[in-house]
Amino acid sequence: MELKVDEANGIVHIHVKGEFHIGNVSSFEELWHAQIEKKPKMIAIDCNELGYIDSSAIGTLVKFLNNAMSKKIKLVFYDLNPAIKNIFKTARLDNFFTITTKDKLENEL
């Protein structure tokens, strides 16, 4: 998995490429905590190039959501491919996570 971060206007974008699984959860957690320390108004996770996610990674995303909410930081996921979107729907994560597209995210800002 490759992670890239960029920031603009108080929003941190985390671009995820590849497979997110138990073997690389800790590297994403380290990056997450570094971004939380910056106290952005929003963290937007770009899932356009996320090809696979396992249950450990989903659990980590739930922890990220709880962490963000406790710090009053909005967490948004955007541009999920159909397979990842289906996993989120099956696990009913779409009821908890804010899921959108890059275009809609940019229009809301």
N, C-alpha and C. Protein backbone atom coordinates (compact mmCIF):
# COMPACT_ATOMS: atom_id res chain seq x y z
N MET A 1 0.84 -1.17 0.00
CA MET A 1 0.00 0.00 0.00
C MET A 1 0.89 1.24 0.00
N GLU A 2 0.49 2.20 -0.79
CA GLU A 2 1.18 3.49 -0.82
C GLU A 2 0.23 4.55 -0.27
N LEU A 3 0.77 5.43 0.58
CA LEU A 3 -0.01 6.52 1.14
C LEU A 3 0.66 7.84 0.79
N LYS A 4 -0.13 8.78 0.33
CA LYS A 4 0.38 10.11 0.01
C LYS A 4 -0.55 11.13 0.64
N VAL A 5 0.02 12.19 1.18
CA VAL A 5 -0.78 13.21 1.86
C VAL A 5 -0.55 14.56 1.20
N ASP A 6 -1.65 15.30 1.03
CA ASP A 6 -1.52 16.71 0.67
C ASP A 6 -2.56 17.48 1.45
N GLU A 7 -2.31 18.77 1.62
CA GLU A 7 -3.19 19.61 2.42
C GLU A 7 -3.54 20.87 1.66
N ALA A 8 -4.78 21.32 1.87
CA ALA A 8 -5.22 22.59 1.30
C ALA A 8 -6.42 23.09 2.09
N ASN A 9 -6.39 24.33 2.48
CA ASN A 9 -7.53 24.98 3.15
C ASN A 9 -8.05 24.22 4.37
N GLY A 10 -7.15 23.73 5.19
CA GLY A 10 -7.57 23.02 6.40
C GLY A 10 -8.07 21.61 6.18
N ILE A 11 -7.90 21.10 4.97
CA ILE A 11 -8.32 19.74 4.65
C ILE A 11 -7.09 18.90 4.31
N VAL A 12 -6.98 17.77 4.99
CA VAL A 12 -5.91 16.81 4.71
C VAL A 12 -6.49 15.74 3.80
N HIS A 13 -5.85 15.53 2.66
CA HIS A 13 -6.23 14.44 1.75
C HIS A 13 -5.21 13.32 1.89
N ILE A 14 -5.70 12.13 2.19
CA ILE A 14 -4.84 10.95 2.25
C ILE A 14 -5.21 10.08 1.05
N HIS A 15 -4.26 9.90 0.16
CA HIS A 15 -4.46 9.10 -1.06
C HIS A 15 -3.94 7.69 -0.78
N VAL A 16 -4.82 6.71 -0.93
CA VAL A 16 -4.48 5.31 -0.65
C VAL A 16 -4.42 4.56 -1.97
N LYS A 17 -3.29 3.88 -2.17
CA LYS A 17 -3.12 3.11 -3.41
C LYS A 17 -2.72 1.68 -3.03
N GLY A 18 -3.41 0.71 -3.62
CA GLY A 18 -3.05 -0.69 -3.41
C GLY A 18 -3.98 -1.40 -2.47
N GLU A 19 -3.41 -2.27 -1.62
CA GLU A 19 -4.18 -3.11 -0.73
C GLU A 19 -3.99 -2.68 0.71
N PHE A 20 -5.10 -2.51 1.42
CA PHE A 20 -5.09 -2.14 2.83
C PHE A 20 -5.51 -3.36 3.63
N HIS A 21 -4.56 -3.93 4.39
CA HIS A 21 -4.81 -5.17 5.12
C HIS A 21 -4.04 -5.19 6.43
N ILE A 22 -4.22 -6.26 7.18
CA ILE A 22 -3.62 -6.36 8.51
C ILE A 22 -2.10 -6.12 8.50
N GLY A 23 -1.46 -6.45 7.41
CA GLY A 23 -0.01 -6.30 7.32
C GLY A 23 0.48 -4.85 7.24
N ASN A 24 -0.41 -3.94 6.86
CA ASN A 24 0.03 -2.55 6.75
C ASN A 24 -0.83 -1.56 7.55
N VAL A 25 -1.65 -2.09 8.45
CA VAL A 25 -2.48 -1.24 9.30
C VAL A 25 -1.62 -0.27 10.11
N SER A 26 -0.53 -0.76 10.69
CA SER A 26 0.28 0.09 11.57
C SER A 26 0.88 1.29 10.85
N SER A 27 1.25 1.13 9.59
CA SER A 27 1.81 2.28 8.87
C SER A 27 0.74 3.34 8.61
N PHE A 28 -0.49 2.89 8.33
CA PHE A 28 -1.58 3.85 8.13
C PHE A 28 -1.92 4.55 9.46
N GLU A 29 -1.90 3.79 10.56
CA GLU A 29 -2.17 4.38 11.88
C GLU A 29 -1.15 5.45 12.22
N GLU A 30 0.12 5.21 11.93
CA GLU A 30 1.16 6.22 12.19
C GLU A 30 0.88 7.48 11.39
N LEU A 31 0.58 7.33 10.12
CA LEU A 31 0.28 8.48 9.27
C LEU A 31 -0.97 9.21 9.79
N TRP A 32 -1.99 8.46 10.16
CA TRP A 32 -3.23 9.03 10.68
C TRP A 32 -2.95 9.93 11.89
N HIS A 33 -2.22 9.40 12.85
CA HIS A 33 -1.95 10.17 14.08
C HIS A 33 -1.16 11.44 13.79
N ALA A 34 -0.26 11.39 12.83
CA ALA A 34 0.48 12.59 12.43
C ALA A 34 -0.46 13.64 11.84
N GLN A 35 -1.46 13.20 11.10
CA GLN A 35 -2.41 14.14 10.49
C GLN A 35 -3.36 14.72 11.53
N ILE A 36 -3.80 13.90 12.46
CA ILE A 36 -4.71 14.36 13.53
C ILE A 36 -4.04 15.46 14.35
N GLU A 37 -2.74 15.33 14.56
CA GLU A 37 -2.00 16.33 15.34
C GLU A 37 -2.07 17.72 14.70
N LYS A 38 -2.28 17.77 13.40
CA LYS A 38 -2.35 19.05 12.68
C LYS A 38 -3.69 19.76 12.91
N LYS A 39 -4.64 19.04 13.50
CA LYS A 39 -5.98 19.56 13.80
C LYS A 39 -6.68 20.16 12.57
N PRO A 40 -6.77 19.38 11.50
CA PRO A 40 -7.48 19.90 10.32
C PRO A 40 -8.99 19.93 10.58
N LYS A 41 -9.72 20.66 9.75
CA LYS A 41 -11.18 20.64 9.90
C LYS A 41 -11.77 19.37 9.27
N MET A 42 -11.02 18.80 8.32
CA MET A 42 -11.50 17.60 7.64
C MET A 42 -10.32 16.75 7.19
N ILE A 43 -10.52 15.43 7.25
CA ILE A 43 -9.59 14.48 6.63
C ILE A 43 -10.40 13.75 5.57
N ALA A 44 -9.94 13.82 4.34
CA ALA A 44 -10.61 13.19 3.20
C ALA A 44 -9.71 12.07 2.69
N ILE A 45 -10.23 10.86 2.68
CA ILE A 45 -9.45 9.70 2.24
C ILE A 45 -9.86 9.34 0.82
N ASP A 46 -8.90 9.49 -0.09
CA ASP A 46 -9.10 9.20 -1.51
C ASP A 46 -8.91 7.70 -1.72
N CYS A 47 -10.00 7.02 -2.08
CA CYS A 47 -9.99 5.56 -2.25
C CYS A 47 -9.99 5.16 -3.72
N ASN A 48 -9.72 6.10 -4.61
CA ASN A 48 -9.76 5.84 -6.04
C ASN A 48 -8.87 4.66 -6.46
N GLU A 49 -7.70 4.56 -5.82
CA GLU A 49 -6.76 3.50 -6.20
C GLU A 49 -6.63 2.42 -5.12
N LEU A 50 -7.61 2.38 -4.22
CA LEU A 50 -7.66 1.32 -3.21
C LEU A 50 -8.28 0.10 -3.86
N GLY A 51 -7.52 -0.97 -3.96
CA GLY A 51 -8.00 -2.15 -4.67
C GLY A 51 -8.53 -3.25 -3.78
N TYR A 52 -8.16 -3.23 -2.50
CA TYR A 52 -8.55 -4.31 -1.60
C TYR A 52 -8.53 -3.80 -0.17
N ILE A 53 -9.46 -4.30 0.64
CA ILE A 53 -9.49 -3.96 2.06
C ILE A 53 -9.96 -5.19 2.83
N ASP A 54 -9.30 -5.49 3.95
CA ASP A 54 -9.74 -6.63 4.75
C ASP A 54 -10.42 -6.15 6.04
N SER A 55 -10.88 -7.09 6.84
CA SER A 55 -11.64 -6.73 8.04
C SER A 55 -10.80 -5.96 9.06
N SER A 56 -9.52 -6.26 9.15
CA SER A 56 -8.65 -5.51 10.07
C SER A 56 -8.55 -4.05 9.64
N ALA A 57 -8.45 -3.83 8.36
CA ALA A 57 -8.38 -2.46 7.83
C ALA A 57 -9.70 -1.74 8.06
N ILE A 58 -10.81 -2.43 7.89
CA ILE A 58 -12.12 -1.81 8.15
C ILE A 58 -12.23 -1.42 9.62
N GLY A 59 -11.77 -2.29 10.49
CA GLY A 59 -11.76 -1.96 11.92
C GLY A 59 -10.93 -0.73 12.21
N THR A 60 -9.83 -0.59 11.50
CA THR A 60 -8.97 0.58 11.66
C THR A 60 -9.69 1.84 11.21
N LEU A 61 -10.43 1.75 10.11
CA LEU A 61 -11.18 2.91 9.63
C LEU A 61 -12.26 3.33 10.63
N VAL A 62 -12.87 2.35 11.29
CA VAL A 62 -13.85 2.67 12.33
C VAL A 62 -13.17 3.39 13.49
N LYS A 63 -11.98 2.92 13.88
CA LYS A 63 -11.22 3.62 14.92
C LYS A 63 -10.89 5.05 14.49
N PHE A 64 -10.52 5.22 13.21
CA PHE A 64 -10.22 6.56 12.69
C PHE A 64 -11.45 7.46 12.81
N LEU A 65 -12.62 6.91 12.47
CA LEU A 65 -13.85 7.70 12.56
C LEU A 65 -14.10 8.14 14.00
N ASN A 66 -14.00 7.22 14.94
CA ASN A 66 -14.21 7.55 16.35
C ASN A 66 -13.20 8.59 16.83
N ASN A 67 -11.97 8.44 16.41
CA ASN A 67 -10.91 9.38 16.77
C ASN A 67 -11.19 10.76 16.19
N ALA A 68 -11.58 10.80 14.93
CA ALA A 68 -11.89 12.07 14.28
C ALA A 68 -13.08 12.76 14.96
N MET A 69 -14.11 11.99 15.24
CA MET A 69 -15.30 12.56 15.89
C MET A 69 -14.96 13.14 17.26
N SER A 70 -14.10 12.45 18.00
CA SER A 70 -13.74 12.94 19.33
C SER A 70 -12.94 14.25 19.26
N LYS A 71 -12.31 14.49 18.12
CA LYS A 71 -11.52 15.71 17.93
C LYS A 71 -12.28 16.75 17.10
N LYS A 72 -13.55 16.43 16.78
CA LYS A 72 -14.40 17.31 15.97
C LYS A 72 -13.80 17.58 14.58
N ILE A 73 -13.23 16.51 14.01
CA ILE A 73 -12.69 16.55 12.65
C ILE A 73 -13.61 15.71 11.78
N LYS A 74 -14.03 16.26 10.66
CA LYS A 74 -14.90 15.51 9.74
C LYS A 74 -14.05 14.53 8.94
N LEU A 75 -14.52 13.29 8.84
CA LEU A 75 -13.83 12.25 8.05
C LEU A 75 -14.71 11.89 6.87
N VAL A 76 -14.12 11.96 5.68
CA VAL A 76 -14.85 11.70 4.44
C VAL A 76 -14.04 10.72 3.60
N PHE A 77 -14.74 9.77 2.98
CA PHE A 77 -14.13 8.85 2.02
C PHE A 77 -14.68 9.20 0.65
N TYR A 78 -13.80 9.25 -0.35
CA TYR A 78 -14.31 9.57 -1.69
C TYR A 78 -13.69 8.70 -2.77
N ASP A 79 -14.46 8.61 -3.86
CA ASP A 79 -14.08 7.86 -5.06
C ASP A 79 -13.77 6.39 -4.79
N LEU A 80 -14.67 5.72 -4.06
CA LEU A 80 -14.53 4.28 -3.84
C LEU A 80 -14.85 3.55 -5.13
N ASN A 81 -14.04 2.56 -5.48
CA ASN A 81 -14.36 1.76 -6.65
C ASN A 81 -15.55 0.86 -6.31
N PRO A 82 -16.24 0.31 -7.30
CA PRO A 82 -17.46 -0.48 -7.03
C PRO A 82 -17.26 -1.63 -6.05
N ALA A 83 -16.14 -2.32 -6.11
CA ALA A 83 -15.92 -3.46 -5.20
C ALA A 83 -15.79 -3.00 -3.75
N ILE A 84 -15.04 -1.93 -3.52
CA ILE A 84 -14.86 -1.40 -2.16
C ILE A 84 -16.18 -0.80 -1.67
N LYS A 85 -16.90 -0.10 -2.55
CA LYS A 85 -18.20 0.46 -2.18
C LYS A 85 -19.16 -0.66 -1.75
N ASN A 86 -19.12 -1.77 -2.45
CA ASN A 86 -19.97 -2.91 -2.11
C ASN A 86 -19.62 -3.48 -0.73
N ILE A 87 -18.33 -3.55 -0.43
CA ILE A 87 -17.89 -4.02 0.90
C ILE A 87 -18.43 -3.09 1.98
N PHE A 88 -18.32 -1.78 1.75
CA PHE A 88 -18.81 -0.80 2.71
C PHE A 88 -20.33 -0.96 2.90
N LYS A 89 -21.06 -1.17 1.80
CA LYS A 89 -22.52 -1.33 1.89
C LYS A 89 -22.88 -2.63 2.61
N THR A 90 -22.20 -3.72 2.27
CA THR A 90 -22.47 -5.02 2.89
C THR A 90 -22.25 -4.95 4.40
N ALA A 91 -21.19 -4.27 4.80
CA ALA A 91 -20.88 -4.12 6.23
C ALA A 91 -21.67 -2.97 6.87
N ARG A 92 -22.52 -2.34 6.07
CA ARG A 92 -23.34 -1.20 6.49
C ARG A 92 -22.52 -0.02 6.99
N LEU A 93 -21.30 0.07 6.51
CA LEU A 93 -20.44 1.20 6.88
C LEU A 93 -20.92 2.49 6.24
N ASP A 94 -21.66 2.37 5.14
CA ASP A 94 -22.19 3.57 4.49
C ASP A 94 -23.20 4.29 5.38
N ASN A 95 -23.65 3.64 6.45
CA ASN A 95 -24.53 4.29 7.42
C ASN A 95 -23.76 5.14 8.42
N PHE A 96 -22.45 4.92 8.52
CA PHE A 96 -21.62 5.62 9.50
C PHE A 96 -20.63 6.57 8.84
N PHE A 97 -20.04 6.11 7.75
CA PHE A 97 -19.03 6.90 7.06
C PHE A 97 -19.68 7.86 6.07
N THR A 98 -19.07 9.00 5.89
CA THR A 98 -19.47 9.91 4.83
C THR A 98 -18.73 9.48 3.57
N ILE A 99 -19.49 9.07 2.55
CA ILE A 99 -18.91 8.57 1.31
C ILE A 99 -19.41 9.44 0.18
N THR A 100 -18.49 9.94 -0.63
CA THR A 100 -18.85 10.85 -1.71
C THR A 100 -17.90 10.68 -2.89
N THR A 101 -17.98 11.59 -3.82
CA THR A 101 -17.05 11.63 -4.95
C THR A 101 -16.16 12.85 -4.78
N LYS A 102 -15.07 12.87 -5.48
CA LYS A 102 -14.16 14.02 -5.42
C LYS A 102 -14.88 15.29 -5.89
N ASP A 103 -15.64 15.17 -6.97
CA ASP A 103 -16.35 16.33 -7.50
C ASP A 103 -17.33 16.90 -6.48
N LYS A 104 -18.11 16.04 -5.85
CA LYS A 104 -19.09 16.51 -4.86
C LYS A 104 -18.38 17.11 -3.65
N LEU A 105 -17.27 16.50 -3.25
CA LEU A 105 -16.49 17.02 -2.12
C LEU A 105 -16.01 18.43 -2.43
N GLU A 106 -15.46 18.62 -3.62
CA GLU A 106 -14.94 19.94 -4.00
C GLU A 106 -16.06 20.97 -4.11
N ASN A 107 -17.24 20.55 -4.56
CA ASN A 107 -18.37 21.48 -4.68
C ASN A 107 -18.91 21.90 -3.31
N GLU A 108 -18.75 21.04 -2.30
CA GLU A 108 -19.24 21.35 -0.97
C GLU A 108 -18.34 22.33 -0.23
N LEU A 109 -17.12 22.50 -0.70
CA LEU A 109 -16.16 23.35 0.01
C LEU A 109 -16.28 24.80 -0.34
